[in-house]
């Protein structure tokens, strides 16, 4: 194979605040193929914003409002990335991660957490498992870069990824 070809997509998102339209943001997404992304967040507006952005970037998106729904979605398909809130009812983000990785080891380094407050305990969790987190409020351009970076990582944690639909096994 030759050099990887990337398609550059520009997404235009309007940012609204109390007094109406503040500015128009342009966010870049680089992807060479559609990726499957699961978004788990109990805040519908944020979940929808992420889903709309990533859909416009050419990705296939599934959403869940809680960890229980996310587990059901994970059982029915393979995903290239999981974006998860930290503070959710019933099962929080770190526990969701632990259960998800136990069932789907290939997701070990395919999580991006989003939260409004990072506690010392959560910071230790992130370090221990070498995971990524973005704090709210976040800049859409930073979110885009973080998603692209995670999607370009090779998969680890499973030897059966060559049989996985939507996943690419990286070989040397």
N, C-alpha and C. Protein backbone atom coordinates (compact mmCIF):
# COMPACT_ATOMS: atom_id res chain seq x y z
N UNK A 1 0.84 -1.19 0.00
CA UNK A 1 0.00 0.00 0.00
C UNK A 1 0.87 1.24 0.00
N UNK A 2 0.36 2.29 -0.60
CA UNK A 2 1.08 3.55 -0.64
C UNK A 2 0.81 4.36 0.60
N UNK A 3 1.08 5.63 0.49
CA UNK A 3 0.83 6.53 1.61
C UNK A 3 -0.66 6.60 1.91
N UNK A 4 -0.97 6.72 3.16
CA UNK A 4 -2.38 6.83 3.56
C UNK A 4 -2.93 8.15 3.05
N UNK A 5 -4.10 8.11 2.48
CA UNK A 5 -4.75 9.33 2.00
C UNK A 5 -5.78 9.76 3.02
N UNK A 6 -5.72 11.01 3.40
CA UNK A 6 -6.66 11.55 4.36
C UNK A 6 -7.59 12.53 3.68
N UNK A 7 -8.86 12.44 4.01
CA UNK A 7 -9.85 13.39 3.53
C UNK A 7 -10.02 14.42 4.63
N UNK A 8 -9.91 15.68 4.27
CA UNK A 8 -10.05 16.75 5.24
C UNK A 8 -11.47 17.27 5.16
N UNK A 9 -12.18 17.19 6.25
CA UNK A 9 -13.57 17.65 6.31
C UNK A 9 -13.63 18.90 7.17
N UNK A 10 -14.35 19.89 6.72
CA UNK A 10 -14.57 21.08 7.52
C UNK A 10 -15.99 21.05 8.04
N UNK A 11 -16.11 21.27 9.31
CA UNK A 11 -17.42 21.26 9.96
C UNK A 11 -17.67 22.66 10.49
N UNK A 12 -18.84 23.18 10.19
CA UNK A 12 -19.19 24.50 10.67
C UNK A 12 -20.22 24.34 11.78
N UNK A 13 -19.86 24.79 12.97
CA UNK A 13 -20.74 24.68 14.12
C UNK A 13 -21.04 26.08 14.64
N UNK A 14 -22.28 26.39 14.86
CA UNK A 14 -22.63 27.68 15.42
C UNK A 14 -22.68 27.56 16.93
N UNK A 15 -22.01 28.48 17.61
CA UNK A 15 -21.96 28.47 19.06
C UNK A 15 -22.93 29.51 19.59
N UNK A 16 -23.92 29.10 20.33
CA UNK A 16 -24.90 30.02 20.89
C UNK A 16 -24.66 30.21 22.38
N UNK A 17 -24.84 31.44 22.83
CA UNK A 17 -24.78 31.75 24.25
C UNK A 17 -26.03 32.54 24.62
N UNK A 18 -26.10 33.12 25.79
CA UNK A 18 -27.31 33.80 26.25
C UNK A 18 -27.85 34.85 25.29
N UNK A 19 -27.00 35.65 24.72
CA UNK A 19 -27.46 36.74 23.86
C UNK A 19 -27.43 36.39 22.39
N UNK A 20 -27.65 35.16 22.05
CA UNK A 20 -27.71 34.77 20.65
C UNK A 20 -26.40 34.25 20.12
N UNK A 21 -26.25 34.37 18.82
CA UNK A 21 -25.07 33.84 18.14
C UNK A 21 -23.83 34.63 18.51
N UNK A 22 -22.81 33.93 18.99
CA UNK A 22 -21.56 34.60 19.36
C UNK A 22 -20.55 34.50 18.24
N UNK A 23 -20.24 33.30 17.79
CA UNK A 23 -19.34 33.15 16.65
C UNK A 23 -19.55 31.83 15.95
N UNK A 24 -19.04 31.79 14.77
CA UNK A 24 -19.08 30.59 13.96
C UNK A 24 -17.72 29.93 14.08
N UNK A 25 -17.69 28.68 14.49
CA UNK A 25 -16.44 27.97 14.66
C UNK A 25 -16.25 27.01 13.49
N UNK A 26 -15.04 26.90 13.01
CA UNK A 26 -14.71 25.91 12.00
C UNK A 26 -13.82 24.86 12.66
N UNK A 27 -14.23 23.63 12.57
CA UNK A 27 -13.50 22.54 13.20
C UNK A 27 -13.08 21.57 12.12
N UNK A 28 -11.83 21.13 12.15
CA UNK A 28 -11.32 20.19 11.16
C UNK A 28 -11.36 18.77 11.71
N UNK A 29 -11.81 17.85 10.90
CA UNK A 29 -11.71 16.43 11.21
C UNK A 29 -10.96 15.77 10.08
N UNK A 30 -9.93 15.03 10.41
CA UNK A 30 -9.21 14.28 9.40
C UNK A 30 -9.55 12.81 9.59
N UNK A 31 -10.06 12.23 8.54
CA UNK A 31 -10.25 10.79 8.61
C UNK A 31 -10.14 10.21 7.22
N UNK A 32 -9.62 9.03 7.14
CA UNK A 32 -9.49 8.41 5.83
C UNK A 32 -10.60 7.40 5.61
N UNK A 33 -11.27 7.04 6.65
CA UNK A 33 -12.40 6.13 6.54
C UNK A 33 -13.32 6.36 7.72
N UNK A 34 -14.53 5.95 7.54
CA UNK A 34 -15.52 6.12 8.60
C UNK A 34 -15.17 5.23 9.78
N UNK A 35 -15.23 5.79 10.97
CA UNK A 35 -14.96 5.04 12.19
C UNK A 35 -16.25 4.93 13.00
N UNK A 36 -16.32 3.89 13.80
CA UNK A 36 -17.49 3.69 14.68
C UNK A 36 -17.16 4.23 16.06
N UNK A 37 -17.98 5.17 16.52
CA UNK A 37 -17.75 5.84 17.80
C UNK A 37 -19.00 5.73 18.66
N UNK A 38 -18.81 5.38 19.92
CA UNK A 38 -19.89 5.34 20.89
C UNK A 38 -19.73 6.53 21.83
N UNK A 39 -20.80 7.32 21.99
CA UNK A 39 -20.80 8.47 22.89
C UNK A 39 -21.74 8.15 24.05
N UNK A 40 -21.20 8.24 25.28
CA UNK A 40 -21.99 7.94 26.48
C UNK A 40 -21.98 9.18 27.37
N UNK A 41 -23.13 9.81 27.50
CA UNK A 41 -23.24 11.02 28.32
C UNK A 41 -24.69 11.20 28.73
N UNK A 42 -24.91 11.51 30.00
CA UNK A 42 -26.28 11.71 30.46
C UNK A 42 -26.82 13.09 30.10
N UNK A 43 -25.96 13.98 29.63
CA UNK A 43 -26.39 15.30 29.17
C UNK A 43 -26.73 15.22 27.68
N UNK A 44 -28.02 15.25 27.37
CA UNK A 44 -28.48 15.08 25.99
C UNK A 44 -27.90 16.12 25.04
N UNK A 45 -27.84 17.38 25.44
CA UNK A 45 -27.34 18.43 24.55
C UNK A 45 -25.89 18.19 24.16
N UNK A 46 -25.07 17.82 25.11
CA UNK A 46 -23.67 17.56 24.81
C UNK A 46 -23.51 16.29 23.98
N UNK A 47 -24.26 15.26 24.32
CA UNK A 47 -24.23 14.01 23.56
C UNK A 47 -24.62 14.28 22.11
N UNK A 48 -25.66 15.07 21.90
CA UNK A 48 -26.10 15.40 20.54
C UNK A 48 -25.09 16.26 19.79
N UNK A 49 -24.46 17.22 20.50
CA UNK A 49 -23.45 18.06 19.86
C UNK A 49 -22.28 17.22 19.36
N UNK A 50 -21.75 16.34 20.24
CA UNK A 50 -20.66 15.46 19.83
C UNK A 50 -21.08 14.56 18.67
N UNK A 51 -22.28 14.00 18.75
CA UNK A 51 -22.77 13.11 17.69
C UNK A 51 -22.88 13.85 16.37
N UNK A 52 -23.43 15.06 16.39
CA UNK A 52 -23.57 15.84 15.16
C UNK A 52 -22.21 16.17 14.56
N UNK A 53 -21.28 16.61 15.38
CA UNK A 53 -19.94 16.94 14.89
C UNK A 53 -19.28 15.74 14.24
N UNK A 54 -19.31 14.62 14.93
CA UNK A 54 -18.61 13.44 14.44
C UNK A 54 -19.31 12.81 13.24
N UNK A 55 -20.63 12.92 13.18
CA UNK A 55 -21.37 12.44 12.01
C UNK A 55 -21.00 13.27 10.79
N UNK A 56 -20.94 14.57 10.95
CA UNK A 56 -20.53 15.45 9.85
C UNK A 56 -19.10 15.17 9.42
N UNK A 57 -18.30 14.65 10.33
CA UNK A 57 -16.93 14.27 10.01
C UNK A 57 -16.83 12.92 9.32
N UNK A 58 -17.96 12.29 9.06
CA UNK A 58 -17.98 11.04 8.31
C UNK A 58 -17.98 9.78 9.15
N UNK A 59 -18.18 9.91 10.45
CA UNK A 59 -18.13 8.74 11.33
C UNK A 59 -19.53 8.18 11.58
N UNK A 60 -19.57 6.91 11.96
CA UNK A 60 -20.81 6.25 12.35
C UNK A 60 -20.92 6.36 13.87
N UNK A 61 -22.00 6.95 14.33
CA UNK A 61 -22.14 7.27 15.75
C UNK A 61 -23.28 6.49 16.38
N UNK A 62 -23.02 5.97 17.57
CA UNK A 62 -24.06 5.41 18.44
C UNK A 62 -24.00 6.20 19.73
N UNK A 63 -25.15 6.41 20.36
CA UNK A 63 -25.17 7.17 21.60
C UNK A 63 -25.92 6.41 22.68
N UNK A 64 -25.53 6.71 23.91
CA UNK A 64 -26.20 6.13 25.08
C UNK A 64 -26.23 7.19 26.17
N UNK A 65 -27.33 7.20 26.94
CA UNK A 65 -27.45 8.19 28.01
C UNK A 65 -26.91 7.67 29.34
N UNK A 66 -26.55 6.39 29.39
CA UNK A 66 -26.00 5.83 30.63
C UNK A 66 -25.19 4.58 30.29
N UNK A 67 -24.48 4.09 31.29
CA UNK A 67 -23.60 2.94 31.09
C UNK A 67 -24.36 1.66 30.75
N UNK A 68 -25.55 1.48 31.33
CA UNK A 68 -26.33 0.27 31.04
C UNK A 68 -26.68 0.18 29.56
N UNK A 69 -27.15 1.30 28.99
CA UNK A 69 -27.46 1.33 27.55
C UNK A 69 -26.20 1.13 26.73
N UNK A 70 -25.09 1.71 27.18
CA UNK A 70 -23.82 1.58 26.46
C UNK A 70 -23.36 0.13 26.41
N UNK A 71 -23.52 -0.60 27.52
CA UNK A 71 -23.14 -2.02 27.53
C UNK A 71 -23.92 -2.80 26.47
N UNK A 72 -25.21 -2.53 26.36
CA UNK A 72 -26.03 -3.21 25.36
C UNK A 72 -25.55 -2.89 23.94
N UNK A 73 -25.18 -1.65 23.70
CA UNK A 73 -24.69 -1.25 22.38
C UNK A 73 -23.34 -1.92 22.10
N UNK A 74 -22.47 -1.97 23.09
CA UNK A 74 -21.16 -2.61 22.90
C UNK A 74 -21.29 -4.10 22.60
N UNK A 75 -22.30 -4.74 23.15
CA UNK A 75 -22.50 -6.18 22.90
C UNK A 75 -22.89 -6.44 21.44
N UNK A 76 -23.45 -5.42 20.78
CA UNK A 76 -23.95 -5.61 19.42
C UNK A 76 -23.04 -5.08 18.33
N UNK A 77 -21.84 -4.67 18.67
CA UNK A 77 -20.95 -4.18 17.63
C UNK A 77 -19.59 -3.79 18.18
N UNK A 78 -18.67 -3.58 17.27
CA UNK A 78 -17.31 -3.18 17.63
C UNK A 78 -17.14 -1.69 17.36
N UNK A 79 -16.37 -1.03 18.20
CA UNK A 79 -16.19 0.42 18.09
C UNK A 79 -14.72 0.78 18.06
N UNK A 80 -14.43 1.85 17.33
CA UNK A 80 -13.07 2.35 17.24
C UNK A 80 -12.74 3.29 18.39
N UNK A 81 -13.76 3.88 19.01
CA UNK A 81 -13.55 4.84 20.08
C UNK A 81 -14.81 4.93 20.94
N UNK A 82 -14.62 5.13 22.24
CA UNK A 82 -15.73 5.40 23.16
C UNK A 82 -15.44 6.74 23.82
N UNK A 83 -16.40 7.65 23.73
CA UNK A 83 -16.31 8.95 24.40
C UNK A 83 -17.31 8.89 25.55
N UNK A 84 -16.82 9.07 26.78
CA UNK A 84 -17.68 8.87 27.95
C UNK A 84 -17.58 10.02 28.94
N UNK A 85 -18.73 10.40 29.45
CA UNK A 85 -18.78 11.32 30.58
C UNK A 85 -18.22 10.57 31.79
N UNK A 86 -17.81 11.31 32.79
CA UNK A 86 -17.29 10.70 34.01
C UNK A 86 -18.39 10.57 35.05
N UNK A 87 -19.12 11.64 35.29
CA UNK A 87 -20.16 11.67 36.32
C UNK A 87 -21.52 11.35 35.72
N UNK A 88 -21.90 10.09 35.83
CA UNK A 88 -23.20 9.64 35.32
C UNK A 88 -23.92 8.90 36.44
N UNK A 89 -25.25 8.88 36.38
CA UNK A 89 -25.99 8.14 37.40
C UNK A 89 -25.75 6.63 37.31
N UNK A 90 -25.89 5.96 38.41
CA UNK A 90 -25.75 4.51 38.54
C UNK A 90 -24.31 4.02 38.39
N UNK A 91 -23.76 4.08 37.20
CA UNK A 91 -22.39 3.64 36.97
C UNK A 91 -21.61 4.82 36.40
N UNK A 92 -20.55 5.22 37.08
CA UNK A 92 -19.77 6.37 36.61
C UNK A 92 -18.81 5.94 35.50
N UNK A 93 -18.14 6.91 34.90
CA UNK A 93 -17.23 6.65 33.78
C UNK A 93 -16.13 5.65 34.08
N UNK A 94 -15.39 5.81 35.20
CA UNK A 94 -14.33 4.83 35.48
C UNK A 94 -14.83 3.40 35.64
N UNK A 95 -15.96 3.22 36.31
CA UNK A 95 -16.49 1.85 36.45
C UNK A 95 -17.00 1.33 35.11
N UNK A 96 -17.60 2.20 34.31
CA UNK A 96 -18.02 1.81 32.97
C UNK A 96 -16.80 1.34 32.17
N UNK A 97 -15.71 2.09 32.24
CA UNK A 97 -14.47 1.71 31.55
C UNK A 97 -14.01 0.32 31.98
N UNK A 98 -13.95 0.09 33.28
CA UNK A 98 -13.45 -1.19 33.79
C UNK A 98 -14.30 -2.36 33.29
N UNK A 99 -15.62 -2.22 33.36
CA UNK A 99 -16.51 -3.29 32.89
C UNK A 99 -16.41 -3.46 31.38
N UNK A 100 -16.34 -2.35 30.64
CA UNK A 100 -16.28 -2.41 29.18
C UNK A 100 -15.00 -3.11 28.72
N UNK A 101 -13.87 -2.77 29.34
CA UNK A 101 -12.59 -3.36 28.95
C UNK A 101 -12.51 -4.83 29.35
N UNK A 102 -13.17 -5.18 30.44
CA UNK A 102 -13.21 -6.59 30.84
C UNK A 102 -13.90 -7.43 29.76
N UNK A 103 -14.98 -6.92 29.21
CA UNK A 103 -15.73 -7.63 28.16
C UNK A 103 -15.11 -7.44 26.77
N UNK A 104 -14.48 -6.28 26.54
CA UNK A 104 -13.96 -5.91 25.22
C UNK A 104 -12.54 -5.36 25.38
N UNK A 105 -11.55 -6.23 25.56
CA UNK A 105 -10.18 -5.79 25.84
C UNK A 105 -9.59 -4.85 24.78
N UNK A 106 -10.05 -4.95 23.55
CA UNK A 106 -9.51 -4.09 22.50
C UNK A 106 -9.80 -2.61 22.76
N UNK A 107 -10.74 -2.30 23.66
CA UNK A 107 -11.08 -0.90 23.98
C UNK A 107 -10.15 -0.28 25.03
N UNK A 108 -9.19 -1.04 25.49
CA UNK A 108 -8.32 -0.61 26.59
C UNK A 108 -7.79 0.81 26.43
N UNK A 109 -7.32 1.16 25.26
CA UNK A 109 -6.79 2.51 25.05
C UNK A 109 -7.60 3.28 24.01
N UNK A 110 -8.91 2.97 23.96
CA UNK A 110 -9.81 3.60 22.98
C UNK A 110 -10.89 4.41 23.67
N UNK A 111 -10.60 4.96 24.83
CA UNK A 111 -11.57 5.76 25.59
C UNK A 111 -11.12 7.20 25.67
N UNK A 112 -12.07 8.11 25.55
CA UNK A 112 -11.84 9.52 25.83
C UNK A 112 -12.89 9.95 26.84
N UNK A 113 -12.44 10.41 28.00
CA UNK A 113 -13.37 10.88 29.02
C UNK A 113 -13.56 12.38 28.90
N UNK A 114 -14.77 12.82 29.21
CA UNK A 114 -15.12 14.24 29.21
C UNK A 114 -15.79 14.52 30.56
N UNK A 115 -15.30 15.55 31.26
CA UNK A 115 -15.87 15.86 32.57
C UNK A 115 -15.71 17.34 32.88
N UNK A 116 -16.49 17.80 33.82
CA UNK A 116 -16.39 19.21 34.23
C UNK A 116 -15.42 19.39 35.39
N UNK A 117 -15.14 18.33 36.12
CA UNK A 117 -14.23 18.47 37.25
C UNK A 117 -13.41 17.19 37.43
N UNK A 118 -12.11 17.36 37.42
CA UNK A 118 -11.21 16.23 37.58
C UNK A 118 -10.74 16.19 39.03
N UNK A 119 -11.15 15.16 39.73
CA UNK A 119 -10.72 14.98 41.13
C UNK A 119 -9.34 14.33 41.15
N UNK A 120 -8.70 14.36 42.28
CA UNK A 120 -7.39 13.73 42.43
C UNK A 120 -7.51 12.22 42.22
N UNK A 121 -8.59 11.64 42.72
CA UNK A 121 -8.83 10.20 42.54
C UNK A 121 -8.97 9.86 41.05
N UNK A 122 -9.72 10.68 40.31
CA UNK A 122 -9.89 10.42 38.89
C UNK A 122 -8.58 10.64 38.12
N UNK A 123 -7.81 11.63 38.53
CA UNK A 123 -6.51 11.89 37.90
C UNK A 123 -5.60 10.66 38.08
N UNK A 124 -5.63 10.05 39.26
CA UNK A 124 -4.85 8.83 39.51
C UNK A 124 -5.33 7.69 38.61
N UNK A 125 -6.64 7.58 38.47
CA UNK A 125 -7.22 6.56 37.59
C UNK A 125 -6.72 6.75 36.15
N UNK A 126 -6.75 7.98 35.66
CA UNK A 126 -6.27 8.27 34.30
C UNK A 126 -4.80 7.88 34.13
N UNK A 127 -3.99 8.21 35.13
CA UNK A 127 -2.55 7.88 35.07
C UNK A 127 -2.34 6.37 35.09
N UNK A 128 -3.05 5.70 35.98
CA UNK A 128 -2.87 4.26 36.14
C UNK A 128 -3.16 3.51 34.84
N UNK A 129 -4.17 3.96 34.10
CA UNK A 129 -4.56 3.25 32.88
C UNK A 129 -4.13 3.99 31.61
N UNK A 130 -3.37 5.07 31.76
CA UNK A 130 -2.87 5.85 30.63
C UNK A 130 -4.01 6.26 29.69
N UNK A 131 -5.02 6.93 30.27
CA UNK A 131 -6.21 7.33 29.53
C UNK A 131 -6.25 8.84 29.32
N UNK A 132 -7.08 9.25 28.40
CA UNK A 132 -7.22 10.66 28.05
C UNK A 132 -8.52 11.23 28.59
N UNK A 133 -8.45 12.51 28.96
CA UNK A 133 -9.63 13.19 29.48
C UNK A 133 -9.60 14.65 29.03
N UNK A 134 -10.76 15.17 28.73
CA UNK A 134 -10.91 16.59 28.40
C UNK A 134 -11.88 17.20 29.40
N UNK A 135 -11.55 18.41 29.86
CA UNK A 135 -12.41 19.09 30.83
C UNK A 135 -13.38 20.02 30.13
N UNK A 136 -14.63 20.01 30.62
CA UNK A 136 -15.65 20.93 30.14
C UNK A 136 -15.48 22.26 30.87
N UNK A 137 -15.73 23.37 30.26
CA UNK A 137 -16.09 23.50 28.84
C UNK A 137 -14.85 23.23 27.99
N UNK A 138 -15.05 22.62 26.85
CA UNK A 138 -13.94 22.30 25.99
C UNK A 138 -14.07 23.04 24.67
N UNK A 139 -12.94 23.22 24.01
CA UNK A 139 -12.93 23.86 22.69
C UNK A 139 -13.13 22.77 21.65
N UNK A 140 -13.99 23.03 20.70
CA UNK A 140 -14.30 22.03 19.68
C UNK A 140 -13.07 21.64 18.88
N UNK A 141 -12.18 22.59 18.60
CA UNK A 141 -10.96 22.26 17.85
C UNK A 141 -10.08 21.31 18.66
N UNK A 142 -9.98 21.51 19.97
CA UNK A 142 -9.19 20.61 20.82
C UNK A 142 -9.84 19.22 20.87
N UNK A 143 -11.16 19.20 20.96
CA UNK A 143 -11.90 17.93 20.95
C UNK A 143 -11.62 17.18 19.65
N UNK A 144 -11.68 17.89 18.53
CA UNK A 144 -11.41 17.30 17.23
C UNK A 144 -10.03 16.69 17.16
N UNK A 145 -9.03 17.44 17.61
CA UNK A 145 -7.65 16.93 17.60
C UNK A 145 -7.51 15.68 18.46
N UNK A 146 -8.12 15.69 19.64
CA UNK A 146 -8.03 14.55 20.55
C UNK A 146 -8.69 13.31 19.94
N UNK A 147 -9.86 13.48 19.34
CA UNK A 147 -10.56 12.37 18.70
C UNK A 147 -9.71 11.81 17.56
N UNK A 148 -9.18 12.69 16.71
CA UNK A 148 -8.35 12.24 15.59
C UNK A 148 -7.12 11.48 16.08
N UNK A 149 -6.48 11.97 17.13
CA UNK A 149 -5.30 11.33 17.68
C UNK A 149 -5.64 9.90 18.15
N UNK A 150 -6.74 9.77 18.87
CA UNK A 150 -7.12 8.45 19.39
C UNK A 150 -7.53 7.50 18.26
N UNK A 151 -8.17 8.02 17.24
CA UNK A 151 -8.58 7.16 16.12
C UNK A 151 -7.40 6.67 15.30
N UNK A 152 -6.29 7.36 15.35
CA UNK A 152 -5.11 6.95 14.58
C UNK A 152 -4.24 5.96 15.34
N UNK A 153 -4.53 5.72 16.62
CA UNK A 153 -3.74 4.76 17.41
C UNK A 153 -3.97 3.35 16.90
N UNK A 154 -2.92 2.52 16.96
CA UNK A 154 -3.14 1.10 16.65
C UNK A 154 -3.90 0.44 17.80
N UNK A 155 -4.58 -0.63 17.49
CA UNK A 155 -5.34 -1.35 18.51
C UNK A 155 -4.42 -2.23 19.34
N UNK A 156 -4.75 -2.36 20.62
CA UNK A 156 -4.04 -3.25 21.55
C UNK A 156 -5.09 -3.99 22.37
N UNK A 157 -4.68 -5.08 23.00
CA UNK A 157 -5.55 -5.75 23.95
C UNK A 157 -6.31 -6.93 23.40
N UNK A 158 -6.25 -7.18 22.10
CA UNK A 158 -6.94 -8.34 21.56
C UNK A 158 -6.19 -8.84 20.34
N UNK A 159 -6.12 -10.15 20.20
CA UNK A 159 -5.43 -10.71 19.04
C UNK A 159 -6.40 -11.02 17.91
N UNK A 160 -7.69 -10.82 18.11
CA UNK A 160 -8.68 -11.15 17.09
C UNK A 160 -9.19 -9.94 16.32
N UNK A 161 -8.47 -8.83 16.37
CA UNK A 161 -8.96 -7.63 15.72
C UNK A 161 -8.96 -7.72 14.20
N UNK A 162 -8.17 -8.63 13.64
CA UNK A 162 -8.17 -8.76 12.19
C UNK A 162 -9.52 -9.28 11.69
N UNK A 163 -10.29 -9.91 12.56
CA UNK A 163 -11.61 -10.41 12.19
C UNK A 163 -12.71 -9.42 12.53
N UNK A 164 -12.36 -8.33 13.18
CA UNK A 164 -13.36 -7.37 13.64
C UNK A 164 -13.75 -6.41 12.52
N UNK A 165 -15.04 -6.31 12.27
CA UNK A 165 -15.54 -5.37 11.28
C UNK A 165 -15.41 -3.97 11.86
N UNK A 166 -14.89 -3.05 11.07
CA UNK A 166 -14.73 -1.67 11.53
C UNK A 166 -13.44 -1.44 12.27
N UNK A 167 -12.64 -2.47 12.46
CA UNK A 167 -11.37 -2.33 13.15
C UNK A 167 -10.28 -2.75 12.21
N UNK A 168 -9.15 -2.10 12.30
CA UNK A 168 -8.05 -2.41 11.42
C UNK A 168 -6.89 -2.95 12.25
N UNK A 169 -6.42 -4.12 11.92
CA UNK A 169 -5.27 -4.68 12.60
C UNK A 169 -4.01 -4.05 12.03
N UNK A 170 -3.16 -3.53 12.89
CA UNK A 170 -1.94 -2.88 12.46
C UNK A 170 -0.81 -3.90 12.55
N UNK A 171 -0.12 -4.12 11.45
CA UNK A 171 1.00 -5.05 11.47
C UNK A 171 2.25 -4.29 11.02
N UNK A 172 3.39 -4.73 11.51
CA UNK A 172 4.65 -4.06 11.16
C UNK A 172 5.15 -4.51 9.81
